Each structure stands twice: as C-alpha cells, then as structure tokens.
C-alpha cells in the first residue's frame, strides 16, 4: 500500500521500510471527519485505501469541493510546512485506511531523503498550476464551460481507450455543481445537452465520455492558450 504512494517511488525498498515505521495507521468510516477547517492539528496523511474529500462551507452554507483524493494521495502537508491552521476540512468519502505522521517527522523525511523532497516540491508546484487553472476557469468561463472543463479533467484521469473514458462512480450532479461553483440544475441541463450530441452517456453510476477529443476541443476553444 505504501509503495502505491507516488511520493515514495524514489525511495529504495530498504528506506521505504524504515519510513513506514514512522507512520500511524487509522481506519475512518465513510462520512467521518479527519481534519477540520481552521484546526491546528499538524499531521500529514497518506491515503492507503478508500477516498477522501477535501472541502469547506461558505458562510452562506454552500459547499465548495476542492478535490477527492483516492488511494495513493496525501493531504495536510500545507499545515505541516507553514504551521498555519487547516485551510479546508477533510472527510472520508468511503471507508478508508490512512497513515499519518506529525509535522516534525514529515520535515525529517524531507531533509533525509532528497527523492521524497523532490516529490513534495513537484506536488506543490502541481497544486499551484491546478489552482491557477481553476481561478482562470471561475473568472472567465460560463457555467457550461466550467462543467466541460471539469469533465475533461476527470476524463483524462480515467481513459480506457485513445478517445473514450469511464468516470466510475460518476459524481452526482449536486457534487459536480460544488466543484464548479454552480447549481445542480445547471449541471443536469448541460448533461442532457451533451448526451444529445452523443458526447456522454450515463450508465448507472458510470459516466461514459464517448468522445474525449471533442470534449477537449470544447474546453480549449474557450480557454484559449491555457494548458
């Protein structure tokens, strides 16, 4: 399980074995809160099994979903690095197995293993790039275009052939609306429109993207040169 975490891929099997001894494992039931927005808990968490949702609620009560993290991902590193309170809440979306270390141990790993340090730096720069893209989308794109962009992002992670993808399980329309700052009704309308042009097809809890290239073209036409 630990070998599936990409930040550890540069470690030798011997070093990985040493690192694993530092971790505390815990099971979290679906819906269980792991860290809360503005908490001062400073542990870093690694997802060994299951799915974690990172989100927060605006003062209006509207939910903003930042991301869903599958097995192999990590969270909590920002607080471990800067010592500030948590910037979001993390809950177990499904029954999950987590491994955690305190911030002091996290820093020791960074200073001891250059490969791990490099992986963390790449992770942080990737987050900045994704946030830049998301700010661009929210600032310049219409709701339907934001829906297209999010579907394209999900499709790229779940390709099953050169031009098709299966998002399984597909996010609920209300969930997707929280990702793109929209309303469920807008997502439902756009899904119906995309289905009419044979770009998507819902089969139970699975969403089939039938033409990823066409979806990408819809996104790039409104995003311009941003990649």
C-alpha atoms as a PDB file:
ATOM      1  CA  UNK A   1       0.000   0.000   0.000  1.00  0.00           C
ATOM      2  CA  UNK A   2       2.773   2.443   0.885  1.00  0.00           C
ATOM      3  CA  UNK A   3       4.525   1.612  -2.383  1.00  0.00           C
ATOM      4  CA  UNK A   4       1.467   2.996  -4.239  1.00  0.00           C
ATOM      5  CA  UNK A   5       2.122   6.494  -2.862  1.00  0.00           C
ATOM      6  CA  UNK A   6       3.976   8.282  -5.646  1.00  0.00           C
ATOM      7  CA  UNK A   7       5.937  10.500  -3.251  1.00  0.00           C
ATOM      8  CA  UNK A   8       7.700   7.323  -2.062  1.00  0.00           C
ATOM      9  CA  UNK A   9       8.514   5.967  -5.514  1.00  0.00           C
ATOM     10  CA  UNK A  10      12.063   7.327  -5.400  1.00  0.00           C
ATOM     11  CA  UNK A  11      12.894   5.509  -2.169  1.00  0.00           C
ATOM     12  CA  UNK A  12      14.653   2.171  -2.082  1.00  0.00           C
ATOM     13  CA  UNK A  13      12.792  -0.762  -0.542  1.00  0.00           C
ATOM     14  CA  UNK A  14      15.114  -0.552   2.474  1.00  0.00           C
ATOM     15  CA  UNK A  15      14.479   3.171   3.001  1.00  0.00           C
ATOM     16  CA  UNK A  16      10.751   2.709   2.442  1.00  0.00           C
ATOM     17  CA  UNK A  17      10.735   0.066   5.158  1.00  0.00           C
ATOM     18  CA  UNK A  18      12.426   2.497   7.532  1.00  0.00           C
ATOM     19  CA  UNK A  19       9.958   5.274   6.667  1.00  0.00           C
ATOM     20  CA  UNK A  20       6.911   3.054   7.176  1.00  0.00           C
ATOM     21  CA  UNK A  21       7.910   2.504  10.804  1.00  0.00           C
ATOM     22  CA  UNK A  22       7.246   6.201  11.470  1.00  0.00           C
ATOM     23  CA  UNK A  23       3.580   6.047  10.445  1.00  0.00           C
ATOM     24  CA  UNK A  24       0.451   5.613  12.499  1.00  0.00           C
ATOM     25  CA  UNK A  25      -2.398   3.865  10.674  1.00  0.00           C
ATOM     26  CA  UNK A  26      -6.082   4.534  11.279  1.00  0.00           C
ATOM     27  CA  UNK A  27      -9.392   3.462   9.787  1.00  0.00           C
ATOM     28  CA  UNK A  28     -12.001   6.124   9.030  1.00  0.00           C
ATOM     29  CA  UNK A  29     -15.613   5.260   8.285  1.00  0.00           C
ATOM     30  CA  UNK A  30     -17.456   6.897   5.395  1.00  0.00           C
ATOM     31  CA  UNK A  31     -18.524  10.388   6.433  1.00  0.00           C
ATOM     32  CA  UNK A  32     -16.034  10.616   9.299  1.00  0.00           C
ATOM     33  CA  UNK A  33     -14.226  13.928   9.676  1.00  0.00           C
ATOM     34  CA  UNK A  34     -10.440  13.611   9.696  1.00  0.00           C
ATOM     35  CA  UNK A  35      -9.339  17.242   9.921  1.00  0.00           C
ATOM     36  CA  UNK A  36     -11.469  20.351  10.211  1.00  0.00           C
ATOM     37  CA  UNK A  37     -11.096  23.791   8.671  1.00  0.00           C
ATOM     38  CA  UNK A  38      -9.051  26.089  10.959  1.00  0.00           C
ATOM     39  CA  UNK A  39      -7.891  23.213  13.184  1.00  0.00           C
ATOM     40  CA  UNK A  40      -4.283  23.316  14.408  1.00  0.00           C
ATOM     41  CA  UNK A  41      -3.637  19.575  14.075  1.00  0.00           C
ATOM     42  CA  UNK A  42      -0.370  19.360  12.138  1.00  0.00           C
ATOM     43  CA  UNK A  43      -0.232  15.739  10.924  1.00  0.00           C
ATOM     44  CA  UNK A  44       0.283  14.765   7.297  1.00  0.00           C
ATOM     45  CA  UNK A  45      -1.981  11.994   5.996  1.00  0.00           C
ATOM     46  CA  UNK A  46      -1.487   9.413   3.262  1.00  0.00           C
ATOM     47  CA  UNK A  47      -4.466   7.555   1.758  1.00  0.00           C
ATOM     48  CA  UNK A  48      -3.780   3.809   1.719  1.00  0.00           C
ATOM     49  CA  UNK A  49      -7.328   2.703   0.893  1.00  0.00           C
ATOM     50  CA  UNK A  50     -10.591   4.476   0.107  1.00  0.00           C
ATOM     51  CA  UNK A  51     -11.356   8.049  -0.927  1.00  0.00           C
ATOM     52  CA  UNK A  52     -11.002  11.348   0.936  1.00  0.00           C
ATOM     53  CA  UNK A  53     -12.962  14.508   0.132  1.00  0.00           C
ATOM     54  CA  UNK A  54     -11.415  17.921   0.808  1.00  0.00           C
ATOM     55  CA  UNK A  55     -13.977  20.732   1.070  1.00  0.00           C
ATOM     56  CA  UNK A  56     -15.261  23.622   3.123  1.00  0.00           C
ATOM     57  CA  UNK A  57     -18.511  25.516   3.641  1.00  0.00           C
ATOM     58  CA  UNK A  58     -19.005  29.186   2.898  1.00  0.00           C
ATOM     59  CA  UNK A  59     -20.791  31.413   5.425  1.00  0.00           C
ATOM     60  CA  UNK A  60     -23.855  31.076   3.194  1.00  0.00           C
ATOM     61  CA  UNK A  61     -23.827  27.330   3.826  1.00  0.00           C
ATOM     62  CA  UNK A  62     -22.824  26.479   0.257  1.00  0.00           C
ATOM     63  CA  UNK A  63     -20.360  23.622  -0.028  1.00  0.00           C
ATOM     64  CA  UNK A  64     -17.171  24.100  -2.042  1.00  0.00           C
ATOM     65  CA  UNK A  65     -15.481  20.828  -3.015  1.00  0.00           C
ATOM     66  CA  UNK A  66     -11.771  21.268  -3.619  1.00  0.00           C
ATOM     67  CA  UNK A  67     -10.876  17.699  -4.600  1.00  0.00           C
ATOM     68  CA  UNK A  68     -11.394  13.990  -3.999  1.00  0.00           C
ATOM     69  CA  UNK A  69      -8.238  12.068  -3.121  1.00  0.00           C
ATOM     70  CA  UNK A  70      -8.043   8.342  -3.940  1.00  0.00           C
ATOM     71  CA  UNK A  71      -5.613   5.790  -2.543  1.00  0.00           C
ATOM     72  CA  UNK A  72      -2.039   6.825  -3.211  1.00  0.00           C
ATOM     73  CA  UNK A  73      -2.641  10.516  -2.485  1.00  0.00           C
ATOM     74  CA  UNK A  74      -1.744  12.641   0.539  1.00  0.00           C
ATOM     75  CA  UNK A  75      -3.120  15.713   2.310  1.00  0.00           C
ATOM     76  CA  UNK A  76      -2.296  18.002   5.207  1.00  0.00           C
ATOM     77  CA  UNK A  77       1.172  18.954   4.026  1.00  0.00           C
ATOM     78  CA  UNK A  78       0.438  22.693   3.884  1.00  0.00           C
ATOM     79  CA  UNK A  79      -0.175  22.998   7.626  1.00  0.00           C
ATOM     80  CA  UNK A  80       2.876  20.822   8.312  1.00  0.00           C
ATOM     81  CA  UNK A  81       5.002  23.194   6.227  1.00  0.00           C
ATOM     82  CA  UNK A  82       3.779  26.626   7.325  1.00  0.00           C
ATOM     83  CA  UNK A  83       2.305  25.875  10.763  1.00  0.00           C
ATOM     84  CA  UNK A  84      -0.933  27.724   9.986  1.00  0.00           C
ATOM     85  CA  UNK A  85      -4.424  26.324  10.698  1.00  0.00           C
ATOM     86  CA  UNK A  86      -6.057  23.900   8.273  1.00  0.00           C
ATOM     87  CA  UNK A  87      -7.255  25.551   5.076  1.00  0.00           C
ATOM     88  CA  UNK A  88     -10.069  23.029   4.495  1.00  0.00           C
ATOM     89  CA  UNK A  89     -11.951  20.105   6.013  1.00  0.00           C
ATOM     90  CA  UNK A  90     -11.163  16.514   5.015  1.00  0.00           C
ATOM     91  CA  UNK A  91     -13.692  13.707   5.416  1.00  0.00           C
ATOM     92  CA  UNK A  92     -13.696  10.057   4.421  1.00  0.00           C
ATOM     93  CA  UNK A  93     -15.901   9.789   1.345  1.00  0.00           C
ATOM     94  CA  UNK A  94     -15.743   5.991   1.658  1.00  0.00           C
ATOM     95  CA  UNK A  95     -14.429   3.674   4.340  1.00  0.00           C
ATOM     96  CA  UNK A  96     -10.732   4.477   4.280  1.00  0.00           C
ATOM     97  CA  UNK A  97      -7.361   3.445   5.681  1.00  0.00           C
ATOM     98  CA  UNK A  98      -4.953   6.296   6.401  1.00  0.00           C
ATOM     99  CA  UNK A  99      -1.368   6.582   7.553  1.00  0.00           C
ATOM    100  CA  UNK A 100      -0.208   9.746   9.298  1.00  0.00           C
ATOM    101  CA  UNK A 101       2.944  11.371  10.636  1.00  0.00           C
ATOM    102  CA  UNK A 102       3.394  14.594  12.680  1.00  0.00           C
ATOM    103  CA  UNK A 103       4.937  17.645  11.065  1.00  0.00           C
ATOM    104  CA  UNK A 104       8.310  17.067  12.742  1.00  0.00           C
ATOM    105  CA  UNK A 105       8.622  13.617  11.162  1.00  0.00           C
ATOM    106  CA  UNK A 106       7.473  14.987   7.809  1.00  0.00           C
ATOM    107  CA  UNK A 107      10.295  17.554   7.886  1.00  0.00           C
ATOM    108  CA  UNK A 108      12.791  14.856   8.853  1.00  0.00           C
ATOM    109  CA  UNK A 109      11.774  12.831   5.790  1.00  0.00           C
ATOM    110  CA  UNK A 110      12.198  15.885   3.571  1.00  0.00           C
ATOM    111  CA  UNK A 111      15.690  16.572   4.889  1.00  0.00           C
ATOM    112  CA  UNK A 112      16.762  12.924   4.927  1.00  0.00           C
ATOM    113  CA  UNK A 113      15.544  11.705   1.536  1.00  0.00           C
ATOM    114  CA  UNK A 114      16.185  14.001  -1.476  1.00  0.00           C
ATOM    115  CA  UNK A 115      13.850  11.921  -3.684  1.00  0.00           C
ATOM    116  CA  UNK A 116      10.992  12.498  -1.238  1.00  0.00           C
ATOM    117  CA  UNK A 117      11.821  16.211  -1.046  1.00  0.00           C
ATOM    118  CA  UNK A 118      11.768  16.491  -4.838  1.00  0.00           C
ATOM    119  CA  UNK A 119       8.421  14.685  -4.994  1.00  0.00           C
ATOM    120  CA  UNK A 120       6.902  17.107  -2.477  1.00  0.00           C
ATOM    121  CA  UNK A 121       8.205  20.096  -4.476  1.00  0.00           C
ATOM    122  CA  UNK A 122       6.666  18.678  -7.674  1.00  0.00           C
ATOM    123  CA  UNK A 123       3.413  18.096  -5.810  1.00  0.00           C
ATOM    124  CA  UNK A 124       3.273  21.683  -4.557  1.00  0.00           C
ATOM    125  CA  UNK A 125       4.034  23.159  -7.989  1.00  0.00           C
ATOM    126  CA  UNK A 126       1.342  20.925  -9.469  1.00  0.00           C
ATOM    127  CA  UNK A 127      -1.147  22.281  -6.948  1.00  0.00           C
ATOM    128  CA  UNK A 128      -0.269  25.858  -7.897  1.00  0.00           C
ATOM    129  CA  UNK A 129      -0.778  25.075 -11.584  1.00  0.00           C
ATOM    130  CA  UNK A 130      -4.145  23.414 -10.932  1.00  0.00           C
ATOM    131  CA  UNK A 131      -5.295  26.329  -8.771  1.00  0.00           C
ATOM    132  CA  UNK A 132      -4.198  28.794 -11.458  1.00  0.00           C
ATOM    133  CA  UNK A 133      -6.267  26.907 -14.000  1.00  0.00           C
ATOM    134  CA  UNK A 134      -9.241  26.801 -11.648  1.00  0.00           C
ATOM    135  CA  UNK A 135      -9.057  30.544 -10.936  1.00  0.00           C
ATOM    136  CA  UNK A 136      -8.934  31.147 -14.685  1.00  0.00           C
ATOM    137  CA  UNK A 137     -11.984  28.948 -15.217  1.00  0.00           C
ATOM    138  CA  UNK A 138     -14.016  30.595 -12.443  1.00  0.00           C
ATOM    139  CA  UNK A 139     -13.031  34.099 -13.553  1.00  0.00           C
ATOM    140  CA  UNK A 140     -13.584  33.776 -17.294  1.00  0.00           C
ATOM    141  CA  UNK A 141     -15.750  30.769 -18.173  1.00  0.00           C
ATOM    142  CA  UNK A 142     -19.507  30.415 -18.209  1.00  0.00           C
ATOM    143  CA  UNK A 143     -21.053  27.670 -16.080  1.00  0.00           C
ATOM    144  CA  UNK A 144     -21.460  25.252 -19.003  1.00  0.00           C
ATOM    145  CA  UNK A 145     -17.807  25.732 -19.927  1.00  0.00           C
ATOM    146  CA  UNK A 146     -16.707  25.068 -16.336  1.00  0.00           C
ATOM    147  CA  UNK A 147     -18.701  21.841 -16.424  1.00  0.00           C
ATOM    148  CA  UNK A 148     -16.944  20.846 -19.652  1.00  0.00           C
ATOM    149  CA  UNK A 149     -13.544  21.630 -18.108  1.00  0.00           C
ATOM    150  CA  UNK A 150     -14.227  19.519 -15.012  1.00  0.00           C
ATOM    151  CA  UNK A 151     -15.497  16.595 -17.100  1.00  0.00           C
ATOM    152  CA  UNK A 152     -12.385  16.798 -19.261  1.00  0.00           C
ATOM    153  CA  UNK A 153     -10.166  16.753 -16.172  1.00  0.00           C
ATOM    154  CA  UNK A 154     -11.966  13.670 -14.855  1.00  0.00           C
ATOM    155  CA  UNK A 155     -11.854  12.003 -18.277  1.00  0.00           C
ATOM    156  CA  UNK A 156      -8.092  12.457 -18.606  1.00  0.00           C
ATOM    157  CA  UNK A 157      -7.624  10.527 -15.362  1.00  0.00           C
ATOM    158  CA  UNK A 158      -9.851   7.631 -16.471  1.00  0.00           C
ATOM    159  CA  UNK A 159      -9.055   6.915 -20.118  1.00  0.00           C
ATOM    160  CA  UNK A 160     -10.000   3.411 -21.307  1.00  0.00           C
ATOM    161  CA  UNK A 161      -9.001   3.899 -24.965  1.00  0.00           C
ATOM    162  CA  UNK A 162      -7.466   6.599 -27.145  1.00  0.00           C
ATOM    163  CA  UNK A 163     -10.693   8.606 -27.200  1.00  0.00           C
ATOM    164  CA  UNK A 164     -13.057   7.265 -24.530  1.00  0.00           C
ATOM    165  CA  UNK A 165     -13.154   7.388 -20.744  1.00  0.00           C
ATOM    166  CA  UNK A 166     -15.326   5.967 -17.979  1.00  0.00           C
ATOM    167  CA  UNK A 167     -15.836   8.026 -14.836  1.00  0.00           C
ATOM    168  CA  UNK A 168     -16.784   5.483 -12.186  1.00  0.00           C
ATOM    169  CA  UNK A 169     -18.501   6.180  -9.976  1.00  0.00           C
ATOM    170  CA  UNK A 170     -19.690   9.366 -11.632  1.00  0.00           C
ATOM    171  CA  UNK A 171     -20.111  12.372  -9.328  1.00  0.00           C
ATOM    172  CA  UNK A 172     -23.681  13.279  -8.505  1.00  0.00           C
ATOM    173  CA  UNK A 173     -24.935  16.374 -10.296  1.00  0.00           C
ATOM    174  CA  UNK A 174     -25.015  18.198  -6.957  1.00  0.00           C
ATOM    175  CA  UNK A 175     -21.409  17.179  -6.272  1.00  0.00           C
ATOM    176  CA  UNK A 176     -20.202  18.331  -9.671  1.00  0.00           C
ATOM    177  CA  UNK A 177     -22.012  21.629  -9.093  1.00  0.00           C
ATOM    178  CA  UNK A 178     -19.968  22.102  -5.890  1.00  0.00           C
ATOM    179  CA  UNK A 179     -16.763  21.508  -7.841  1.00  0.00           C
ATOM    180  CA  UNK A 180     -17.541  24.188 -10.441  1.00  0.00           C
ATOM    181  CA  UNK A 181     -19.455  26.702  -8.296  1.00  0.00           C
ATOM    182  CA  UNK A 182     -22.822  26.148  -9.962  1.00  0.00           C
ATOM    183  CA  UNK A 183     -26.269  24.735  -9.186  1.00  0.00           C
ATOM    184  CA  UNK A 184     -27.378  21.135  -9.650  1.00  0.00           C
ATOM    185  CA  UNK A 185     -29.979  22.182 -12.195  1.00  0.00           C
ATOM    186  CA  UNK A 186     -27.318  23.739 -14.425  1.00  0.00           C
ATOM    187  CA  UNK A 187     -25.303  20.524 -14.361  1.00  0.00           C
ATOM    188  CA  UNK A 188     -28.381  18.444 -15.187  1.00  0.00           C
ATOM    189  CA  UNK A 189     -29.233  20.680 -18.141  1.00  0.00           C
ATOM    190  CA  UNK A 190     -25.710  20.529 -19.530  1.00  0.00           C
ATOM    191  CA  UNK A 191     -25.513  16.754 -19.137  1.00  0.00           C
ATOM    192  CA  UNK A 192     -28.733  16.484 -21.144  1.00  0.00           C
ATOM    193  CA  UNK A 193     -27.253  18.696 -23.864  1.00  0.00           C
ATOM    194  CA  UNK A 194     -24.022  16.682 -24.005  1.00  0.00           C
ATOM    195  CA  UNK A 195     -25.989  13.435 -24.180  1.00  0.00           C
ATOM    196  CA  UNK A 196     -27.982  14.750 -27.164  1.00  0.00           C
ATOM    197  CA  UNK A 197     -24.796  15.257 -29.182  1.00  0.00           C
ATOM    198  CA  UNK A 198     -23.529  11.779 -28.147  1.00  0.00           C
ATOM    199  CA  UNK A 199     -20.620  13.134 -26.157  1.00  0.00           C
ATOM    200  CA  UNK A 200     -21.570  11.477 -22.854  1.00  0.00           C
ATOM    201  CA  UNK A 201     -23.764   8.587 -21.776  1.00  0.00           C
ATOM    202  CA  UNK A 202     -24.872   7.757 -18.249  1.00  0.00           C
ATOM    203  CA  UNK A 203     -24.992   4.030 -17.486  1.00  0.00           C
ATOM    204  CA  UNK A 204     -25.997   3.500 -13.880  1.00  0.00           C
ATOM    205  CA  UNK A 205     -23.334   5.110 -11.681  1.00  0.00           C
ATOM    206  CA  UNK A 206     -20.866   5.211 -14.565  1.00  0.00           C
ATOM    207  CA  UNK A 207     -20.477   8.186 -16.870  1.00  0.00           C
ATOM    208  CA  UNK A 208     -19.053   7.282 -20.276  1.00  0.00           C
ATOM    209  CA  UNK A 209     -17.219  10.029 -22.151  1.00  0.00           C
ATOM    210  CA  UNK A 210     -17.724   8.892 -25.744  1.00  0.00           C
ATOM    211  CA  UNK A 211     -15.502  11.456 -27.465  1.00  0.00           C
ATOM    212  CA  UNK A 212     -12.739  12.857 -25.269  1.00  0.00           C
ATOM    213  CA  UNK A 213     -11.170  14.728 -28.190  1.00  0.00           C
ATOM    214  CA  UNK A 214     -14.415  16.579 -28.868  1.00  0.00           C
ATOM    215  CA  UNK A 215     -14.774  17.431 -25.185  1.00  0.00           C
ATOM    216  CA  UNK A 216     -11.184  18.709 -25.140  1.00  0.00           C
ATOM    217  CA  UNK A 217     -11.915  20.871 -28.174  1.00  0.00           C
ATOM    218  CA  UNK A 218     -14.931  22.441 -26.428  1.00  0.00           C
ATOM    219  CA  UNK A 219     -12.720  23.330 -23.473  1.00  0.00           C
ATOM    220  CA  UNK A 220      -9.743  24.615 -25.427  1.00  0.00           C
ATOM    221  CA  UNK A 221     -11.921  26.804 -27.629  1.00  0.00           C
ATOM    222  CA  UNK A 222     -12.890  28.882 -24.590  1.00  0.00           C
ATOM    223  CA  UNK A 223      -9.666  28.544 -22.581  1.00  0.00           C
ATOM    224  CA  UNK A 224      -7.506  29.814 -25.396  1.00  0.00           C
ATOM    225  CA  UNK A 225      -3.829  29.047 -24.990  1.00  0.00           C
ATOM    226  CA  UNK A 226      -4.052  27.941 -21.335  1.00  0.00           C
ATOM    227  CA  UNK A 227      -2.967  24.282 -20.910  1.00  0.00           C
END
